C-alpha atoms as a PDB file:
ATOM      1  CA  MET A   1       0.000   0.000   0.000  1.00  0.00           C
ATOM      2  CA  GLY A   2       1.444   3.360  -1.025  1.00  0.00           C
ATOM      3  CA  LEU A   3       1.501   6.590   0.908  1.00  0.00           C
ATOM      4  CA  PRO A   4      -1.584   8.782   0.553  1.00  0.00           C
ATOM      5  CA  LYS A   5      -1.000  11.456  -2.107  1.00  0.00           C
ATOM      6  CA  LYS A   6      -2.981  14.083  -0.239  1.00  0.00           C
ATOM      7  CA  VAL A   7      -0.610  14.469   2.722  1.00  0.00           C
ATOM      8  CA  THR A   8       2.811  13.566   1.303  1.00  0.00           C
ATOM      9  CA  ARG A   9       5.657  15.894   0.406  1.00  0.00           C
ATOM     10  CA  THR A  10       8.541  15.273  -1.958  1.00  0.00           C
ATOM     11  CA  ILE A  11      12.307  15.584  -1.695  1.00  0.00           C
ATOM     12  CA  SER A  12      15.011  14.884  -4.304  1.00  0.00           C
ATOM     13  CA  VAL A  13      18.392  13.373  -3.412  1.00  0.00           C
ATOM     14  CA  ASP A  14      20.983  12.644  -6.117  1.00  0.00           C
ATOM     15  CA  GLU A  15      18.336  12.887  -8.871  1.00  0.00           C
ATOM     16  CA  THR A  16      16.038  10.392  -7.101  1.00  0.00           C
ATOM     17  CA  THR A  17      12.664  11.683  -5.925  1.00  0.00           C
ATOM     18  CA  TYR A  18      11.188  10.442  -2.655  1.00  0.00           C
ATOM     19  CA  LYS A  19       7.877  11.122  -0.974  1.00  0.00           C
ATOM     20  CA  TRP A  20       7.543  11.414   2.773  1.00  0.00           C
ATOM     21  CA  VAL A  21       4.983  11.945   5.498  1.00  0.00           C
ATOM     22  CA  VAL A  22       5.059  12.397   9.274  1.00  0.00           C
ATOM     23  CA  SER A  23       2.396  10.528  11.199  1.00  0.00           C
ATOM     24  CA  PRO A  24       1.766  11.338  14.892  1.00  0.00           C
ATOM     25  CA  ASP A  25       0.874   8.411  17.154  1.00  0.00           C
ATOM     26  CA  SER A  26       0.654   8.106  20.972  1.00  0.00           C
ATOM     27  CA  GLY A  27       3.641  10.217  21.976  1.00  0.00           C
ATOM     28  CA  TYR A  28       5.718   9.449  18.880  1.00  0.00           C
ATOM     29  CA  MET A  29       6.070  10.897  15.408  1.00  0.00           C
ATOM     30  CA  TRP A  30       6.716   8.409  12.617  1.00  0.00           C
ATOM     31  CA  LEU A  31       8.648   9.561   9.548  1.00  0.00           C
ATOM     32  CA  ILE A  32       7.834   7.374   6.535  1.00  0.00           C
ATOM     33  CA  VAL A  33       9.827   7.723   3.300  1.00  0.00           C
ATOM     34  CA  GLU A  34       9.605   5.811   0.012  1.00  0.00           C
ATOM     35  CA  GLN A  35      10.680   6.374  -3.605  1.00  0.00           C
ATOM     36  CA  LYS A  36       8.106   8.343  -5.548  1.00  0.00           C
ATOM     37  CA  ASP A  37       7.934   6.031  -8.553  1.00  0.00           C
ATOM     38  CA  THR A  38       8.745   2.693  -6.868  1.00  0.00           C
ATOM     39  CA  GLN A  39       6.611   1.358  -4.046  1.00  0.00           C
ATOM     40  CA  GLY A  40       7.500  -1.518  -1.763  1.00  0.00           C
ATOM     41  CA  GLN A  41      10.494  -0.390   0.272  1.00  0.00           C
ATOM     42  CA  ARG A  42      10.063   2.108   3.069  1.00  0.00           C
ATOM     43  CA  LEU A  43      12.241   3.843   5.582  1.00  0.00           C
ATOM     44  CA  ILE A  44      10.363   4.255   8.867  1.00  0.00           C
ATOM     45  CA  ALA A  45      11.822   6.157  11.831  1.00  0.00           C
ATOM     46  CA  GLY A  46      10.159   6.967  15.149  1.00  0.00           C
ATOM     47  CA  PHE A  47      10.839  10.033  17.268  1.00  0.00           C
ATOM     48  CA  LYS A  48       9.452  10.980  20.670  1.00  0.00           C
ATOM     49  CA  TYR A  49       7.775  14.361  20.850  1.00  0.00           C
ATOM     50  CA  HIS A  50      10.027  17.138  22.139  1.00  0.00           C
ATOM     51  CA  ASN A  51      13.270  15.209  21.564  1.00  0.00           C
ATOM     52  CA  THR A  52      16.114  17.567  20.798  1.00  0.00           C
ATOM     53  CA  TYR A  53      19.513  16.343  19.665  1.00  0.00           C
ATOM     54  CA  VAL A  54      22.616  18.554  19.564  1.00  0.00           C
ATOM     55  CA  HIS A  55      26.320  18.037  18.934  1.00  0.00           C
ATOM     56  CA  ASP A  56      28.480  17.898  22.052  1.00  0.00           C
ATOM     57  CA  GLU A  57      32.088  19.142  22.208  1.00  0.00           C
ATOM     58  CA  ALA A  58      33.365  15.856  20.725  1.00  0.00           C
ATOM     59  CA  GLY A  59      30.997  16.139  17.764  1.00  0.00           C
ATOM     60  CA  ASN A  60      28.651  13.374  18.947  1.00  0.00           C
ATOM     61  CA  TRP A  61      24.870  13.670  19.012  1.00  0.00           C
ATOM     62  CA  ARG A  62      23.222  13.818  22.448  1.00  0.00           C
ATOM     63  CA  SER A  63      19.755  14.602  23.728  1.00  0.00           C
END
């Protein structure tokens, strides 16, 4: 099942176009990304609301 066209946005990386959507759910936001012209593979990442990540002095990410 593909992403709904009504709520998706597009981004291009190295001449490949992707569509993405953020879906809120019970304290998390889910980022879902798939190629615009090829369905089947998805990248899904979950983030807690109000998470903030910054670089520390060593260049590592921390919350």
